[in-house]
Amino acid sequence: MHESLLAELAIDRLLRAYADVSTRKAWPEFAALAVPDARFSFDTRTGDVIEIEGVEAFAAFGATATARFAFYEYVPLNFVVDIDPAGTARGRAYQFEIGQDRESGAVTNYYGMYHDDYAQVDGTWRFTRRQYQSLANWTATEPMVSFPIADRP
């Protein structure tokens, strides 16, 4: 099989592993998915962009962000990726999230996109950078709020 196809398959598996860790709230497992000094940013379009550096800090952030949900699921929808033969790649990943607030029971839907950077480390593809931007969110009682897709920051 062509090397770029193998890399694309491996990155697809990485994105699905991220979804699995997120959905199960198994944040201690996240360390295997990114380089130790990976950088993450989240632009939810509701305030300041959240910047996080390092897998441990990100796992703590993920645990805090999903703790309020009685039910939470992260669904990868689609991705595109450009593979560099030098062992790096860049792409975009689209996802849908649904969460039910533990206290109120309210359900919120989230649709967003990541600008991702990847590197191959010891034969395994890992995240080196993820830059999230919210594209839409809505609840059963509030209409959808949508945002334009922005170019990579």
N, C-alpha and C. Protein backbone atom coordinates (compact mmCIF):
# COMPACT_ATOMS: atom_id res chain seq x y z
N MET A 1 0.85 -1.18 0.00
CA MET A 1 0.00 0.00 0.00
C MET A 1 0.89 1.24 0.00
N HIS A 2 0.48 2.27 -0.66
CA HIS A 2 1.23 3.50 -0.75
C HIS A 2 1.41 4.11 0.63
N GLU A 3 2.59 4.66 0.92
CA GLU A 3 2.90 5.21 2.24
C GLU A 3 1.92 6.30 2.69
N SER A 4 1.49 7.16 1.77
CA SER A 4 0.56 8.23 2.17
C SER A 4 -0.79 7.66 2.58
N LEU A 5 -1.21 6.57 1.96
CA LEU A 5 -2.48 5.94 2.35
C LEU A 5 -2.36 5.30 3.73
N LEU A 6 -1.21 4.70 4.00
CA LEU A 6 -1.00 4.14 5.34
C LEU A 6 -0.99 5.24 6.40
N ALA A 7 -0.36 6.37 6.07
CA ALA A 7 -0.33 7.49 7.01
C ALA A 7 -1.74 8.03 7.23
N GLU A 8 -2.52 8.16 6.16
CA GLU A 8 -3.89 8.65 6.30
C GLU A 8 -4.73 7.70 7.16
N LEU A 9 -4.57 6.42 6.97
CA LEU A 9 -5.28 5.44 7.80
C LEU A 9 -4.86 5.55 9.26
N ALA A 10 -3.58 5.73 9.50
CA ALA A 10 -3.09 5.86 10.88
C ALA A 10 -3.63 7.14 11.53
N ILE A 11 -3.71 8.22 10.79
CA ILE A 11 -4.26 9.47 11.34
C ILE A 11 -5.76 9.33 11.58
N ASP A 12 -6.45 8.63 10.70
CA ASP A 12 -7.87 8.35 10.94
C ASP A 12 -8.05 7.58 12.25
N ARG A 13 -7.20 6.60 12.48
CA ARG A 13 -7.27 5.84 13.73
C ARG A 13 -6.94 6.72 14.93
N LEU A 14 -6.00 7.66 14.78
CA LEU A 14 -5.68 8.60 15.85
C LEU A 14 -6.89 9.46 16.19
N LEU A 15 -7.57 9.99 15.18
CA LEU A 15 -8.75 10.82 15.40
C LEU A 15 -9.86 10.03 16.08
N ARG A 16 -10.02 8.79 15.71
CA ARG A 16 -11.05 7.94 16.34
C ARG A 16 -10.65 7.58 17.77
N ALA A 17 -9.37 7.40 18.02
CA ALA A 17 -8.91 7.14 19.39
C ALA A 17 -9.18 8.35 20.27
N TYR A 18 -8.96 9.55 19.72
CA TYR A 18 -9.26 10.78 20.45
C TYR A 18 -10.76 10.83 20.80
N ALA A 19 -11.60 10.49 19.84
CA ALA A 19 -13.05 10.47 20.09
C ALA A 19 -13.40 9.46 21.18
N ASP A 20 -12.76 8.32 21.16
CA ASP A 20 -13.01 7.29 22.17
C ASP A 20 -12.60 7.76 23.56
N VAL A 21 -11.41 8.33 23.67
CA VAL A 21 -10.94 8.85 24.96
C VAL A 21 -11.89 9.93 25.47
N SER A 22 -12.30 10.84 24.57
CA SER A 22 -13.19 11.93 24.96
C SER A 22 -14.54 11.40 25.42
N THR A 23 -15.14 10.51 24.64
CA THR A 23 -16.46 9.99 24.97
C THR A 23 -16.46 9.22 26.28
N ARG A 24 -15.43 8.41 26.49
CA ARG A 24 -15.35 7.62 27.74
C ARG A 24 -14.81 8.44 28.90
N LYS A 25 -14.39 9.68 28.61
CA LYS A 25 -13.78 10.54 29.62
C LYS A 25 -12.58 9.83 30.26
N ALA A 26 -11.82 9.14 29.42
CA ALA A 26 -10.66 8.36 29.84
C ALA A 26 -9.40 9.20 29.64
N TRP A 27 -9.36 10.37 30.24
CA TRP A 27 -8.31 11.35 29.98
C TRP A 27 -6.90 10.88 30.32
N PRO A 28 -6.67 9.98 31.29
CA PRO A 28 -5.31 9.48 31.49
C PRO A 28 -4.74 8.75 30.26
N GLU A 29 -5.60 8.25 29.38
CA GLU A 29 -5.14 7.55 28.18
C GLU A 29 -4.69 8.51 27.08
N PHE A 30 -4.97 9.79 27.25
CA PHE A 30 -4.68 10.75 26.19
C PHE A 30 -3.19 10.88 25.89
N ALA A 31 -2.36 10.67 26.86
CA ALA A 31 -0.91 10.86 26.69
C ALA A 31 -0.34 10.07 25.50
N ALA A 32 -0.94 8.94 25.16
CA ALA A 32 -0.46 8.13 24.05
C ALA A 32 -0.83 8.71 22.69
N LEU A 33 -1.64 9.77 22.67
CA LEU A 33 -2.12 10.31 21.41
C LEU A 33 -1.41 11.58 20.93
N ALA A 34 -0.57 12.15 21.77
CA ALA A 34 0.08 13.42 21.42
C ALA A 34 1.53 13.41 21.91
N VAL A 35 2.33 14.27 21.31
CA VAL A 35 3.70 14.44 21.79
C VAL A 35 3.61 15.16 23.14
N PRO A 36 4.58 14.95 24.03
CA PRO A 36 4.48 15.52 25.38
C PRO A 36 4.26 17.03 25.43
N ASP A 37 4.86 17.78 24.50
CA ASP A 37 4.73 19.23 24.53
C ASP A 37 3.70 19.76 23.51
N ALA A 38 2.75 18.92 23.14
CA ALA A 38 1.72 19.33 22.18
C ALA A 38 0.99 20.58 22.66
N ARG A 39 0.51 21.36 21.70
CA ARG A 39 -0.21 22.60 22.02
C ARG A 39 -1.64 22.49 21.52
N PHE A 40 -2.55 23.04 22.31
CA PHE A 40 -3.97 22.98 22.00
C PHE A 40 -4.58 24.36 22.19
N SER A 41 -5.51 24.72 21.32
CA SER A 41 -6.25 25.96 21.52
C SER A 41 -7.71 25.72 21.18
N PHE A 42 -8.57 26.45 21.90
CA PHE A 42 -10.02 26.30 21.74
C PHE A 42 -10.65 27.67 21.60
N ASP A 43 -11.23 27.90 20.43
CA ASP A 43 -11.97 29.13 20.17
C ASP A 43 -13.44 28.75 20.08
N THR A 44 -14.16 28.91 21.18
CA THR A 44 -15.58 28.56 21.22
C THR A 44 -16.45 29.71 20.73
N ARG A 45 -15.82 30.82 20.35
CA ARG A 45 -16.48 32.01 19.84
C ARG A 45 -17.33 32.70 20.92
N THR A 46 -17.06 32.38 22.18
CA THR A 46 -17.81 33.00 23.27
C THR A 46 -16.94 33.84 24.19
N GLY A 47 -15.68 33.97 23.86
CA GLY A 47 -14.78 34.74 24.71
C GLY A 47 -13.35 34.55 24.24
N ASP A 48 -12.45 34.58 25.18
CA ASP A 48 -11.04 34.42 24.86
C ASP A 48 -10.73 33.00 24.38
N VAL A 49 -9.74 32.89 23.52
CA VAL A 49 -9.26 31.57 23.07
C VAL A 49 -8.49 30.94 24.23
N ILE A 50 -8.79 29.69 24.50
CA ILE A 50 -8.12 28.94 25.57
C ILE A 50 -6.88 28.29 24.97
N GLU A 51 -5.72 28.50 25.57
CA GLU A 51 -4.45 27.94 25.12
C GLU A 51 -3.93 26.97 26.17
N ILE A 52 -3.53 25.78 25.72
CA ILE A 52 -3.04 24.75 26.63
C ILE A 52 -1.78 24.15 26.03
N GLU A 53 -0.77 23.92 26.87
CA GLU A 53 0.47 23.31 26.40
C GLU A 53 0.76 22.06 27.22
N GLY A 54 0.99 20.95 26.52
CA GLY A 54 1.37 19.70 27.16
C GLY A 54 0.22 18.74 27.33
N VAL A 55 0.54 17.45 27.24
CA VAL A 55 -0.52 16.43 27.31
C VAL A 55 -1.15 16.34 28.69
N GLU A 56 -0.37 16.52 29.73
CA GLU A 56 -0.94 16.44 31.08
C GLU A 56 -1.91 17.58 31.32
N ALA A 57 -1.55 18.78 30.91
CA ALA A 57 -2.43 19.94 31.07
C ALA A 57 -3.69 19.76 30.24
N PHE A 58 -3.54 19.19 29.04
CA PHE A 58 -4.72 18.98 28.20
C PHE A 58 -5.64 17.92 28.80
N ALA A 59 -5.08 16.84 29.32
CA ALA A 59 -5.91 15.81 29.94
C ALA A 59 -6.69 16.38 31.12
N ALA A 60 -6.06 17.24 31.91
CA ALA A 60 -6.75 17.89 33.03
C ALA A 60 -7.86 18.80 32.51
N PHE A 61 -7.59 19.55 31.45
CA PHE A 61 -8.60 20.41 30.84
C PHE A 61 -9.78 19.57 30.34
N GLY A 62 -9.49 18.48 29.63
CA GLY A 62 -10.55 17.61 29.11
C GLY A 62 -11.41 17.03 30.22
N ALA A 63 -10.77 16.60 31.31
CA ALA A 63 -11.51 16.04 32.43
C ALA A 63 -12.44 17.08 33.04
N THR A 64 -11.96 18.29 33.20
CA THR A 64 -12.78 19.36 33.76
C THR A 64 -13.92 19.73 32.81
N ALA A 65 -13.61 19.84 31.52
CA ALA A 65 -14.61 20.26 30.53
C ALA A 65 -15.76 19.26 30.38
N THR A 66 -15.48 17.97 30.54
CA THR A 66 -16.53 16.96 30.34
C THR A 66 -17.15 16.48 31.64
N ALA A 67 -16.63 16.87 32.79
CA ALA A 67 -17.14 16.39 34.07
C ALA A 67 -18.59 16.81 34.31
N ARG A 68 -19.01 17.93 33.76
CA ARG A 68 -20.38 18.42 34.01
C ARG A 68 -21.44 17.63 33.26
N PHE A 69 -21.03 16.77 32.35
CA PHE A 69 -21.99 16.03 31.53
C PHE A 69 -22.32 14.66 32.12
N ALA A 70 -23.63 14.37 32.26
CA ALA A 70 -24.08 13.03 32.62
C ALA A 70 -23.91 12.11 31.41
N PHE A 71 -24.13 12.66 30.23
CA PHE A 71 -23.93 11.95 28.97
C PHE A 71 -23.12 12.86 28.07
N TYR A 72 -22.12 12.28 27.43
CA TYR A 72 -21.30 13.04 26.49
C TYR A 72 -20.82 12.10 25.40
N GLU A 73 -20.91 12.57 24.15
CA GLU A 73 -20.35 11.80 23.05
C GLU A 73 -19.70 12.74 22.06
N TYR A 74 -18.51 12.33 21.62
CA TYR A 74 -17.73 13.05 20.63
C TYR A 74 -17.71 12.17 19.38
N VAL A 75 -18.17 12.72 18.26
CA VAL A 75 -18.29 11.94 17.03
C VAL A 75 -17.43 12.57 15.94
N PRO A 76 -16.38 11.89 15.48
CA PRO A 76 -15.62 12.42 14.35
C PRO A 76 -16.45 12.28 13.08
N LEU A 77 -16.50 13.34 12.28
CA LEU A 77 -17.33 13.31 11.08
C LEU A 77 -16.51 13.14 9.80
N ASN A 78 -15.49 13.95 9.64
CA ASN A 78 -14.72 13.93 8.41
C ASN A 78 -13.36 14.56 8.68
N PHE A 79 -12.39 14.24 7.86
CA PHE A 79 -11.10 14.90 7.97
C PHE A 79 -10.41 14.89 6.62
N VAL A 80 -9.54 15.85 6.44
CA VAL A 80 -8.66 15.90 5.29
C VAL A 80 -7.26 16.10 5.83
N VAL A 81 -6.29 15.55 5.14
CA VAL A 81 -4.92 15.64 5.64
C VAL A 81 -3.95 15.66 4.46
N ASP A 82 -2.90 16.46 4.63
CA ASP A 82 -1.79 16.50 3.68
C ASP A 82 -0.58 15.90 4.38
N ILE A 83 -0.07 14.83 3.81
CA ILE A 83 1.05 14.10 4.39
C ILE A 83 2.35 14.59 3.78
N ASP A 84 3.31 14.89 4.62
CA ASP A 84 4.64 15.25 4.18
C ASP A 84 5.52 14.01 4.33
N PRO A 85 6.27 13.63 3.31
CA PRO A 85 7.11 12.44 3.41
C PRO A 85 8.12 12.48 4.56
N ALA A 86 8.37 13.66 5.12
CA ALA A 86 9.34 13.80 6.21
C ALA A 86 8.78 13.32 7.56
N GLY A 87 7.52 12.86 7.57
CA GLY A 87 6.95 12.34 8.82
C GLY A 87 6.09 13.33 9.57
N THR A 88 5.62 14.36 8.87
CA THR A 88 4.68 15.30 9.48
C THR A 88 3.46 15.40 8.58
N ALA A 89 2.39 15.99 9.11
CA ALA A 89 1.17 16.16 8.33
C ALA A 89 0.37 17.32 8.92
N ARG A 90 -0.51 17.87 8.09
CA ARG A 90 -1.42 18.94 8.51
C ARG A 90 -2.79 18.62 7.95
N GLY A 91 -3.82 18.99 8.72
CA GLY A 91 -5.16 18.73 8.22
C GLY A 91 -6.23 19.45 8.98
N ARG A 92 -7.46 19.15 8.59
CA ARG A 92 -8.65 19.65 9.28
C ARG A 92 -9.50 18.44 9.64
N ALA A 93 -10.09 18.50 10.84
CA ALA A 93 -10.97 17.43 11.30
C ALA A 93 -12.26 18.07 11.79
N TYR A 94 -13.38 17.54 11.33
CA TYR A 94 -14.70 18.05 11.71
C TYR A 94 -15.34 17.08 12.69
N GLN A 95 -16.07 17.63 13.67
CA GLN A 95 -16.67 16.75 14.67
C GLN A 95 -17.98 17.32 15.18
N PHE A 96 -18.76 16.42 15.75
CA PHE A 96 -20.03 16.76 16.39
C PHE A 96 -19.95 16.25 17.82
N GLU A 97 -20.43 17.07 18.76
CA GLU A 97 -20.46 16.66 20.17
C GLU A 97 -21.85 16.90 20.73
N ILE A 98 -22.27 16.03 21.61
CA ILE A 98 -23.53 16.21 22.30
C ILE A 98 -23.29 15.94 23.78
N GLY A 99 -23.83 16.80 24.61
CA GLY A 99 -23.64 16.63 26.05
C GLY A 99 -24.92 16.98 26.80
N GLN A 100 -25.22 16.15 27.80
CA GLN A 100 -26.36 16.42 28.67
C GLN A 100 -25.83 16.86 30.03
N ASP A 101 -26.19 18.07 30.43
CA ASP A 101 -25.75 18.61 31.70
C ASP A 101 -26.25 17.74 32.85
N ARG A 102 -25.34 17.38 33.72
CA ARG A 102 -25.65 16.50 34.84
C ARG A 102 -26.73 17.09 35.77
N GLU A 103 -26.65 18.38 36.03
CA GLU A 103 -27.57 19.01 37.00
C GLU A 103 -28.91 19.39 36.39
N SER A 104 -28.90 20.02 35.23
CA SER A 104 -30.15 20.54 34.65
C SER A 104 -30.82 19.57 33.69
N GLY A 105 -30.05 18.63 33.14
CA GLY A 105 -30.60 17.73 32.13
C GLY A 105 -30.63 18.34 30.73
N ALA A 106 -30.25 19.61 30.61
CA ALA A 106 -30.25 20.27 29.31
C ALA A 106 -29.23 19.63 28.37
N VAL A 107 -29.62 19.53 27.12
CA VAL A 107 -28.75 18.93 26.10
C VAL A 107 -28.24 20.03 25.18
N THR A 108 -26.94 20.05 24.97
CA THR A 108 -26.32 21.00 24.05
C THR A 108 -25.61 20.22 22.96
N ASN A 109 -25.75 20.70 21.74
CA ASN A 109 -25.09 20.12 20.57
C ASN A 109 -24.01 21.08 20.10
N TYR A 110 -22.88 20.53 19.74
CA TYR A 110 -21.74 21.32 19.30
C TYR A 110 -21.24 20.77 17.97
N TYR A 111 -20.93 21.65 17.05
CA TYR A 111 -20.33 21.26 15.79
C TYR A 111 -19.08 22.12 15.63
N GLY A 112 -17.95 21.51 15.30
CA GLY A 112 -16.73 22.28 15.20
C GLY A 112 -15.69 21.65 14.30
N MET A 113 -14.55 22.32 14.25
CA MET A 113 -13.46 21.90 13.37
C MET A 113 -12.13 22.13 14.08
N TYR A 114 -11.21 21.23 13.85
CA TYR A 114 -9.84 21.37 14.33
C TYR A 114 -8.92 21.58 13.13
N HIS A 115 -7.96 22.48 13.29
CA HIS A 115 -6.80 22.55 12.41
C HIS A 115 -5.74 21.75 13.16
N ASP A 116 -5.28 20.68 12.55
CA ASP A 116 -4.36 19.77 13.24
C ASP A 116 -2.99 19.72 12.58
N ASP A 117 -1.98 19.52 13.43
CA ASP A 117 -0.63 19.19 12.99
C ASP A 117 -0.28 17.86 13.63
N TYR A 118 0.37 17.00 12.87
CA TYR A 118 0.71 15.66 13.32
C TYR A 118 2.19 15.40 13.06
N ALA A 119 2.74 14.46 13.82
CA ALA A 119 4.11 13.99 13.57
C ALA A 119 4.15 12.50 13.82
N GLN A 120 5.02 11.85 13.09
CA GLN A 120 5.23 10.43 13.29
C GLN A 120 6.37 10.28 14.28
N VAL A 121 6.08 9.63 15.40
CA VAL A 121 7.05 9.43 16.47
C VAL A 121 7.17 7.93 16.73
N ASP A 122 8.37 7.40 16.52
CA ASP A 122 8.60 5.96 16.70
C ASP A 122 7.56 5.11 15.97
N GLY A 123 7.23 5.53 14.74
CA GLY A 123 6.31 4.77 13.90
C GLY A 123 4.83 5.01 14.19
N THR A 124 4.51 5.90 15.12
CA THR A 124 3.12 6.17 15.49
C THR A 124 2.80 7.64 15.23
N TRP A 125 1.66 7.90 14.60
CA TRP A 125 1.24 9.28 14.37
C TRP A 125 0.62 9.84 15.63
N ARG A 126 1.02 11.09 15.95
CA ARG A 126 0.52 11.76 17.16
C ARG A 126 0.21 13.22 16.84
N PHE A 127 -0.65 13.80 17.67
CA PHE A 127 -0.93 15.23 17.56
C PHE A 127 0.27 16.02 18.06
N THR A 128 0.60 17.09 17.34
CA THR A 128 1.57 18.06 17.85
C THR A 128 0.88 19.39 18.14
N ARG A 129 -0.23 19.62 17.45
CA ARG A 129 -1.02 20.85 17.66
C ARG A 129 -2.45 20.59 17.21
N ARG A 130 -3.40 21.07 18.02
CA ARG A 130 -4.83 21.05 17.66
C ARG A 130 -5.39 22.44 17.94
N GLN A 131 -6.02 23.02 16.93
CA GLN A 131 -6.61 24.35 17.08
C GLN A 131 -8.10 24.23 16.74
N TYR A 132 -8.93 24.24 17.79
CA TYR A 132 -10.37 24.06 17.64
C TYR A 132 -11.06 25.40 17.40
N GLN A 133 -12.07 25.35 16.55
CA GLN A 133 -12.96 26.50 16.40
C GLN A 133 -14.40 25.99 16.31
N SER A 134 -15.25 26.60 17.11
CA SER A 134 -16.66 26.25 17.10
C SER A 134 -17.28 26.73 15.79
N LEU A 135 -18.13 25.90 15.20
CA LEU A 135 -18.83 26.28 13.98
C LEU A 135 -20.32 26.48 14.23
N ALA A 136 -20.87 25.79 15.25
CA ALA A 136 -22.28 25.97 15.60
C ALA A 136 -22.55 25.30 16.94
N ASN A 137 -23.57 25.80 17.62
CA ASN A 137 -24.07 25.12 18.82
C ASN A 137 -25.54 25.46 18.99
N TRP A 138 -26.27 24.56 19.63
CA TRP A 138 -27.69 24.77 19.84
C TRP A 138 -28.20 23.82 20.91
N THR A 139 -29.36 24.17 21.46
CA THR A 139 -30.03 23.34 22.46
C THR A 139 -31.46 23.10 22.00
N ALA A 140 -32.20 22.31 22.77
CA ALA A 140 -33.60 22.05 22.43
C ALA A 140 -34.45 23.31 22.57
N THR A 141 -34.01 24.24 23.40
CA THR A 141 -34.82 25.44 23.65
C THR A 141 -34.24 26.71 23.03
N GLU A 142 -33.03 26.64 22.50
CA GLU A 142 -32.40 27.80 21.89
C GLU A 142 -32.02 27.49 20.45
N PRO A 143 -32.19 28.45 19.56
CA PRO A 143 -31.86 28.19 18.15
C PRO A 143 -30.35 28.05 17.94
N MET A 144 -30.01 27.49 16.80
CA MET A 144 -28.61 27.33 16.44
C MET A 144 -27.93 28.67 16.28
N VAL A 145 -26.75 28.76 16.82
CA VAL A 145 -25.86 29.89 16.58
C VAL A 145 -24.72 29.34 15.75
N SER A 146 -24.47 29.94 14.60
CA SER A 146 -23.39 29.43 13.74
C SER A 146 -22.34 30.51 13.52
N PHE A 147 -21.14 30.04 13.18
CA PHE A 147 -19.98 30.91 12.99
C PHE A 147 -19.30 30.53 11.68
N PRO A 148 -18.70 31.48 11.00
CA PRO A 148 -18.01 31.16 9.75
C PRO A 148 -16.75 30.35 10.01
N ILE A 149 -16.38 29.56 9.02
CA ILE A 149 -15.13 28.81 9.10
C ILE A 149 -13.99 29.79 8.89
N ALA A 150 -13.05 29.77 9.82
CA ALA A 150 -11.90 30.66 9.73
C ALA A 150 -10.69 29.86 9.23
N ASP A 151 -9.80 30.54 8.54
CA ASP A 151 -8.56 29.91 8.11
C ASP A 151 -7.72 29.56 9.32
N ARG A 152 -6.76 28.72 9.11
CA ARG A 152 -5.84 28.32 10.19
C ARG A 152 -5.24 29.56 10.81
N PRO A 153 -5.34 29.67 12.15
CA PRO A 153 -4.75 30.85 12.82
C PRO A 153 -3.24 30.89 12.66
